[in-house]
């Protein structure tokens, strides 16, 4: 009889240019993936959490990994050099059954600013890992319920809130609301670089390129797929639209010209799987980016031409689960066979 295998799902990753880190959804487990060796290590997070722990963001700064709580009862700090853990306590909510204490974060001037959802805004001094009560960011104190956040390594971030129209653009200590007329769309996906915001509108399939300096829309394109998509700007030159309800994504260049249309012909993307229905993308450096596919349970690394250079299946066996995660329910996210490797996963159509 085969040992049971548990799926490795994630929603966000971070990188230092050589390695990628992410937390496995529902587990107290951090994955460290070596891009150049194409190997991975499973690191147990040594803090107790209830069933189905979620961390909604992961941030790399100054050789440390910060895990931002979804429903976890503490912030977690992993020192990648010392290979040691620390935790930061915050005021939790009694009998909290949600998954959105916080929704994202960005790092600037040794401070980690955390976007609130079901919890008041906090920021963390990364020198001593202490929570600072007043960071002076008015936009955060006036608004909660942020549900989608993107950040850069240069102290910039963009977020959306249920309580306010438009996008909140933060550059260091300065935050302002922009594009306040675009929030009327049912769903928008976005990402950004130093100069531009790239936006995908579900209802029309429109793709927009917005100049942060001139506050003008400089380019416009349109996808034939009018479905929700997560937007990722990769390697400083590619815009990827990752569609939630299908194993399919499109890649555009910075001028919004489509260069790749990639399809998984197995079509095994399930519309519901523990709240995680897509994969995670991360830029490694100017010539490499990575995609973790939750249903193939495979890390895929692309070069600057968007060619696949390596793949690796990730899995957790049942014996490890029973030893490492005593809070894990056996009837959730259970697989009785090995993860499926899709040998013909990539079908690129220019």
Protein backbone atom coordinates (compact mmCIF):
# COMPACT_ATOMS: atom_id res chain seq x y z
CA UNK A 1 0.00 0.00 0.00
CA UNK A 2 1.30 3.41 -0.94
CA UNK A 3 2.03 5.87 1.83
CA UNK A 4 -0.38 8.81 1.77
CA UNK A 5 0.95 11.98 0.18
CA UNK A 6 -0.13 15.49 1.13
CA UNK A 7 -0.24 18.27 -1.46
CA UNK A 8 2.14 21.20 -1.25
CA UNK A 9 0.06 24.34 -1.92
CA UNK A 10 1.14 27.95 -1.63
CA UNK A 11 0.00 31.41 -2.72
CA UNK A 12 3.06 33.66 -2.30
CA UNK A 13 6.83 33.25 -2.55
CA UNK A 14 9.90 35.43 -1.97
CA UNK A 15 13.48 35.24 -3.22
CA UNK A 16 16.98 36.58 -2.51
CA UNK A 17 18.20 35.91 -6.05
CA UNK A 18 19.46 32.40 -5.34
CA UNK A 19 16.77 30.74 -3.25
CA UNK A 20 12.99 30.86 -3.04
CA UNK A 21 10.98 30.52 0.17
CA UNK A 22 7.29 29.85 0.70
CA UNK A 23 4.95 28.52 3.39
CA UNK A 24 2.83 25.45 2.67
CA UNK A 25 -0.85 26.37 3.04
CA UNK A 26 -2.40 24.67 6.07
CA UNK A 27 0.94 23.58 7.58
CA UNK A 28 3.57 24.94 9.93
CA UNK A 29 6.12 24.33 7.21
CA UNK A 30 8.54 26.61 5.36
CA UNK A 31 10.01 25.44 2.04
CA UNK A 32 13.50 26.58 0.96
CA UNK A 33 14.11 25.95 -2.75
CA UNK A 34 17.62 26.29 -4.21
CA UNK A 35 17.18 27.63 -7.74
CA UNK A 36 20.60 26.58 -9.04
CA UNK A 37 20.79 23.14 -7.42
CA UNK A 38 17.08 22.44 -8.13
CA UNK A 39 16.60 20.99 -4.64
CA UNK A 40 14.38 21.88 -1.72
CA UNK A 41 14.43 21.62 2.06
CA UNK A 42 11.46 21.35 4.43
CA UNK A 43 11.83 23.51 7.55
CA UNK A 44 9.38 23.05 10.43
CA UNK A 45 8.00 26.30 11.89
CA UNK A 46 8.28 25.63 15.64
CA UNK A 47 5.20 27.56 16.81
CA UNK A 48 1.85 25.95 17.58
CA UNK A 49 -1.14 27.01 15.49
CA UNK A 50 -4.65 25.67 15.10
CA UNK A 51 -5.85 23.55 12.18
CA UNK A 52 -5.26 25.04 8.74
CA UNK A 53 -2.75 27.77 9.58
CA UNK A 54 -2.44 30.50 6.97
CA UNK A 55 0.23 33.12 6.40
CA UNK A 56 -1.01 35.65 3.85
CA UNK A 57 2.35 37.14 2.90
CA UNK A 58 6.04 36.31 2.98
CA UNK A 59 8.76 38.96 2.80
CA UNK A 60 12.54 38.72 2.47
CA UNK A 61 14.62 41.54 3.96
CA UNK A 62 18.13 41.69 5.42
CA UNK A 63 18.70 37.91 5.32
CA UNK A 64 15.46 37.28 7.19
CA UNK A 65 12.10 35.85 6.15
CA UNK A 66 8.98 37.46 7.64
CA UNK A 67 5.71 35.51 7.62
CA UNK A 68 2.58 37.68 7.84
CA UNK A 69 -0.38 36.07 9.66
CA UNK A 70 -3.64 35.22 7.96
CA UNK A 71 -5.06 33.31 10.92
CA UNK A 72 -1.76 32.40 12.56
CA UNK A 73 -1.38 33.72 16.08
CA UNK A 74 2.04 35.31 15.61
CA UNK A 75 4.36 36.86 13.06
CA UNK A 76 7.24 34.50 12.32
CA UNK A 77 10.83 35.55 11.58
CA UNK A 78 13.32 33.09 10.07
CA UNK A 79 16.99 34.08 10.02
CA UNK A 80 18.35 32.48 6.82
CA UNK A 81 21.96 32.84 7.96
CA UNK A 82 21.63 31.56 11.53
CA UNK A 83 18.83 29.16 10.49
CA UNK A 84 16.82 30.10 13.57
CA UNK A 85 13.26 31.21 14.25
CA UNK A 86 11.76 34.04 16.27
CA UNK A 87 8.14 35.07 16.78
CA UNK A 88 6.40 38.42 17.24
CA UNK A 89 3.20 38.37 19.26
CA UNK A 90 0.26 40.64 18.45
CA UNK A 91 -3.18 41.17 19.94
CA UNK A 92 -5.31 38.38 18.49
CA UNK A 93 -9.12 38.19 18.31
CA UNK A 94 -10.89 35.70 20.58
CA UNK A 95 -12.57 32.81 18.72
CA UNK A 96 -11.33 34.15 15.39
CA UNK A 97 -12.33 31.86 12.51
CA UNK A 98 -11.28 34.04 9.56
CA UNK A 99 -8.08 33.91 7.52
CA UNK A 100 -7.40 37.62 7.10
CA UNK A 101 -5.78 39.25 10.12
CA UNK A 102 -3.44 40.90 7.60
CA UNK A 103 -3.27 40.78 3.81
CA UNK A 104 0.21 41.92 2.83
CA UNK A 105 3.26 44.03 3.68
CA UNK A 106 6.12 46.12 2.36
CA UNK A 107 9.59 46.95 3.68
CA UNK A 108 11.15 50.41 3.83
CA UNK A 109 13.92 51.97 5.95
CA UNK A 110 14.15 48.99 8.34
CA UNK A 111 10.40 49.02 8.98
CA UNK A 112 7.90 46.40 7.83
CA UNK A 113 4.48 47.96 7.15
CA UNK A 114 1.62 45.47 7.35
CA UNK A 115 -1.68 46.01 5.52
CA UNK A 116 -4.65 45.39 7.84
CA UNK A 117 -7.82 43.46 7.15
CA UNK A 118 -9.58 42.12 10.26
CA UNK A 119 -6.94 43.64 12.53
CA UNK A 120 -5.69 47.21 13.16
CA UNK A 121 -2.63 48.35 11.21
CA UNK A 122 0.79 47.47 12.66
CA UNK A 123 4.38 47.99 11.63
CA UNK A 124 7.46 46.10 12.77
CA UNK A 125 10.93 47.50 13.49
CA UNK A 126 13.16 44.88 11.86
CA UNK A 127 16.16 45.91 14.00
CA UNK A 128 14.64 44.41 17.14
CA UNK A 129 11.48 42.74 15.74
CA UNK A 130 9.22 44.87 17.92
CA UNK A 131 5.78 46.13 16.92
CA UNK A 132 5.62 49.93 16.66
CA UNK A 133 2.21 51.38 17.49
CA UNK A 134 2.33 54.65 15.53
CA UNK A 135 4.14 54.70 12.19
CA UNK A 136 2.63 57.95 10.97
CA UNK A 137 0.98 56.52 7.86
CA UNK A 138 -2.42 58.19 7.80
CA UNK A 139 -3.82 56.11 4.95
CA UNK A 140 -3.52 52.93 7.01
CA UNK A 141 -5.20 54.37 10.10
CA UNK A 142 -8.13 55.63 8.00
CA UNK A 143 -8.81 52.41 6.12
CA UNK A 144 -8.83 48.66 6.78
CA UNK A 145 -10.09 45.65 4.83
CA UNK A 146 -7.17 45.49 2.40
CA UNK A 147 -7.52 42.29 0.37
CA UNK A 148 -4.91 42.41 -2.37
CA UNK A 149 -1.38 43.77 -1.96
CA UNK A 150 1.79 43.81 -4.05
CA UNK A 151 5.19 45.09 -2.95
CA UNK A 152 8.67 45.64 -4.38
CA UNK A 153 12.15 45.45 -2.89
CA UNK A 154 12.50 49.23 -3.21
CA UNK A 155 10.05 50.17 -0.46
CA UNK A 156 6.99 50.49 -2.66
CA UNK A 157 3.59 48.83 -2.50
CA UNK A 158 0.10 48.90 -4.00
CA UNK A 159 -3.02 47.61 -2.28
CA UNK A 160 -6.82 47.50 -2.70
CA UNK A 161 -9.35 47.94 0.12
CA UNK A 162 -13.04 47.08 0.29
CA UNK A 163 -13.56 50.42 2.05
CA UNK A 164 -12.07 52.76 -0.56
CA UNK A 165 -12.17 53.20 -4.34
CA UNK A 166 -8.95 52.99 -6.30
CA UNK A 167 -5.48 51.71 -5.46
CA UNK A 168 -3.37 52.78 -2.50
CA UNK A 169 0.15 53.50 -3.80
CA UNK A 170 2.87 53.67 -1.12
CA UNK A 171 6.37 54.92 -1.85
CA UNK A 172 8.33 54.84 1.38
CA UNK A 173 6.51 57.02 3.90
CA UNK A 174 4.25 58.58 1.26
CA UNK A 175 0.90 56.97 0.43
CA UNK A 176 -1.80 58.22 -1.95
CA UNK A 177 -4.98 56.89 -3.52
CA UNK A 178 -4.83 56.67 -7.34
CA UNK A 179 -7.04 55.39 -10.16
CA UNK A 180 -10.15 55.83 -8.05
CA UNK A 181 -12.48 55.26 -11.01
CA UNK A 182 -11.11 51.80 -11.81
CA UNK A 183 -12.37 50.07 -8.67
CA UNK A 184 -15.86 49.74 -10.17
CA UNK A 185 -14.72 46.62 -12.03
CA UNK A 186 -15.82 43.30 -10.52
CA UNK A 187 -12.23 42.14 -10.27
CA UNK A 188 -8.90 43.66 -11.21
CA UNK A 189 -5.46 42.16 -11.09
CA UNK A 190 -2.36 44.34 -10.97
CA UNK A 191 1.39 44.55 -10.53
CA UNK A 192 3.94 47.33 -10.90
CA UNK A 193 7.56 48.38 -11.32
CA UNK A 194 9.35 51.66 -10.60
CA UNK A 195 7.49 53.57 -13.32
CA UNK A 196 4.28 51.77 -14.28
CA UNK A 197 1.26 49.91 -12.94
CA UNK A 198 -0.06 47.07 -15.09
CA UNK A 199 -3.78 46.36 -14.67
CA UNK A 200 -6.09 43.61 -15.94
CA UNK A 201 -9.87 44.16 -15.82
CA UNK A 202 -11.94 40.98 -15.67
CA UNK A 203 -15.18 42.35 -17.11
CA UNK A 204 -13.63 43.59 -20.37
CA UNK A 205 -10.32 41.71 -20.60
CA UNK A 206 -8.57 45.10 -20.87
CA UNK A 207 -4.88 45.39 -19.96
CA UNK A 208 -3.69 48.88 -19.03
CA UNK A 209 -0.25 50.41 -18.49
CA UNK A 210 -0.40 53.40 -16.12
CA UNK A 211 2.49 55.87 -15.70
CA UNK A 212 3.03 56.64 -12.01
CA UNK A 213 4.77 59.96 -12.73
CA UNK A 214 2.51 61.49 -15.38
CA UNK A 215 -0.60 59.69 -14.05
CA UNK A 216 -1.61 58.73 -17.58
CA UNK A 217 -2.53 55.45 -19.25
CA UNK A 218 0.19 54.97 -21.87
CA UNK A 219 -0.71 51.63 -23.41
CA UNK A 220 -3.79 49.50 -23.86
CA UNK A 221 -4.34 45.92 -24.93
CA UNK A 222 -7.03 43.32 -24.55
CA UNK A 223 -7.10 39.63 -23.71
CA UNK A 224 -9.78 37.39 -25.21
CA UNK A 225 -10.19 35.72 -21.79
CA UNK A 226 -12.64 37.67 -19.64
CA UNK A 227 -12.02 35.88 -16.37
CA UNK A 228 -10.25 36.81 -13.13
CA UNK A 229 -6.47 36.65 -13.35
CA UNK A 230 -3.58 37.32 -11.05
CA UNK A 231 -1.10 39.73 -12.64
CA UNK A 232 2.67 39.37 -12.21
CA UNK A 233 5.40 41.61 -13.63
CA UNK A 234 8.47 39.36 -13.99
CA UNK A 235 12.17 39.89 -14.68
CA UNK A 236 11.49 43.59 -15.29
CA UNK A 237 10.09 42.86 -18.77
CA UNK A 238 7.25 40.31 -18.80
CA UNK A 239 3.64 40.70 -17.74
CA UNK A 240 1.99 37.40 -16.87
CA UNK A 241 -1.78 36.91 -16.53
CA UNK A 242 -2.44 33.74 -14.48
CA UNK A 243 -6.12 32.80 -14.80
CA UNK A 244 -7.71 31.47 -11.65
CA UNK A 245 -10.21 28.99 -13.06
CA UNK A 246 -8.15 27.38 -15.81
CA UNK A 247 -4.64 25.96 -16.24
CA UNK A 248 -3.72 28.72 -18.61
CA UNK A 249 -1.69 31.89 -18.58
CA UNK A 250 -0.63 34.56 -21.03
CA UNK A 251 2.68 36.41 -21.18
CA UNK A 252 2.99 39.95 -22.56
CA UNK A 253 6.03 42.16 -23.02
CA UNK A 254 6.27 45.61 -21.43
CA UNK A 255 4.51 47.14 -24.46
CA UNK A 256 1.53 44.81 -23.86
CA UNK A 257 2.18 42.65 -26.93
CA UNK A 258 1.42 38.98 -26.26
CA UNK A 259 4.50 36.80 -26.66
CA UNK A 260 3.35 33.49 -25.13
CA UNK A 261 0.10 31.67 -24.46
CA UNK A 262 0.81 28.70 -22.18
CA UNK A 263 -1.77 25.98 -21.60
CA UNK A 264 -1.85 22.84 -19.48
CA UNK A 265 -3.72 20.44 -21.78
CA UNK A 266 -4.53 18.14 -18.85
CA UNK A 267 -6.93 20.88 -17.67
CA UNK A 268 -6.80 19.77 -14.05
CA UNK A 269 -7.16 23.13 -12.33
CA UNK A 270 -10.00 22.65 -9.87
CA UNK A 271 -12.16 25.70 -9.00
CA UNK A 272 -11.91 24.95 -5.27
CA UNK A 273 -9.12 23.35 -3.29
CA UNK A 274 -8.75 24.57 0.26
CA UNK A 275 -9.00 28.20 -0.81
CA UNK A 276 -5.95 27.92 -3.06
CA UNK A 277 -6.87 27.71 -6.73
CA UNK A 278 -3.85 28.96 -8.58
CA UNK A 279 -0.06 29.04 -8.27
CA UNK A 280 2.60 31.51 -7.21
CA UNK A 281 5.09 33.48 -9.30
CA UNK A 282 8.36 35.09 -8.23
CA UNK A 283 11.14 36.98 -9.99
CA UNK A 284 14.52 35.52 -9.05
CA UNK A 285 16.73 37.97 -10.93
CA UNK A 286 16.79 39.79 -14.29
CA UNK A 287 17.12 36.52 -16.21
CA UNK A 288 15.13 33.99 -14.17
CA UNK A 289 11.66 33.69 -12.71
CA UNK A 290 9.77 30.79 -11.12
CA UNK A 291 6.22 29.48 -11.06
CA UNK A 292 4.94 27.02 -8.48
CA UNK A 293 1.90 25.15 -9.82
CA UNK A 294 -0.33 23.97 -6.98
CA UNK A 295 -1.95 21.14 -8.90
CA UNK A 296 1.13 19.78 -10.63
CA UNK A 297 2.88 20.42 -7.26
CA UNK A 298 5.85 21.40 -9.36
CA UNK A 299 8.32 24.29 -9.25
CA UNK A 300 9.08 25.53 -12.78
CA UNK A 301 11.96 27.93 -13.50
CA UNK A 302 11.98 30.05 -16.67
CA UNK A 303 14.86 31.90 -18.29
CA UNK A 304 14.75 35.36 -19.90
CA UNK A 305 13.19 33.91 -23.07
CA UNK A 306 10.49 32.26 -20.97
CA UNK A 307 11.87 28.81 -21.72
CA UNK A 308 11.67 26.13 -19.03
CA UNK A 309 15.12 25.48 -17.55
CA UNK A 310 14.17 23.22 -14.62
CA UNK A 311 11.22 21.54 -12.91
CA UNK A 312 10.89 19.86 -9.52
CA UNK A 313 8.00 18.01 -7.85
CA UNK A 314 7.41 18.73 -4.16
CA UNK A 315 5.52 16.49 -1.74
CA UNK A 316 5.05 15.59 1.94
CA UNK A 317 4.57 11.98 2.99
CA UNK A 318 1.99 10.87 5.55
CA UNK A 319 4.52 9.74 8.17
CA UNK A 320 6.10 13.19 8.23
CA UNK A 321 2.71 14.84 8.62
CA UNK A 322 1.74 12.76 11.64
CA UNK A 323 5.03 13.56 13.36
CA UNK A 324 5.38 17.23 12.47
CA UNK A 325 1.82 18.51 12.49
CA UNK A 326 -0.29 17.15 15.37
CA UNK A 327 -3.05 19.68 14.63
CA UNK A 328 -3.46 18.54 11.04
CA UNK A 329 -6.82 16.93 10.26
CA UNK A 330 -6.51 13.79 8.19
CA UNK A 331 -9.69 14.51 6.21
CA UNK A 332 -8.47 17.80 4.76
CA UNK A 333 -6.31 18.11 1.63
CA UNK A 334 -5.58 14.37 1.54
CA UNK A 335 -4.08 12.54 -1.43
CA UNK A 336 -3.60 8.77 -1.58
CA UNK A 337 -1.14 8.69 -4.44
CA UNK A 338 1.94 10.56 -5.57
CA UNK A 339 1.48 14.09 -6.93
CA UNK A 340 0.87 14.08 -10.67
CA UNK A 341 3.76 15.29 -12.78
CA UNK A 342 2.49 16.77 -16.03
CA UNK A 343 5.15 15.79 -18.52
CA UNK A 344 3.63 17.91 -21.23
CA UNK A 345 2.76 20.77 -18.88
CA UNK A 346 4.11 23.49 -21.17
CA UNK A 347 2.52 24.05 -24.57
CA UNK A 348 3.79 27.41 -25.76
CA UNK A 349 2.01 29.14 -28.64
CA UNK A 350 3.58 32.34 -29.89
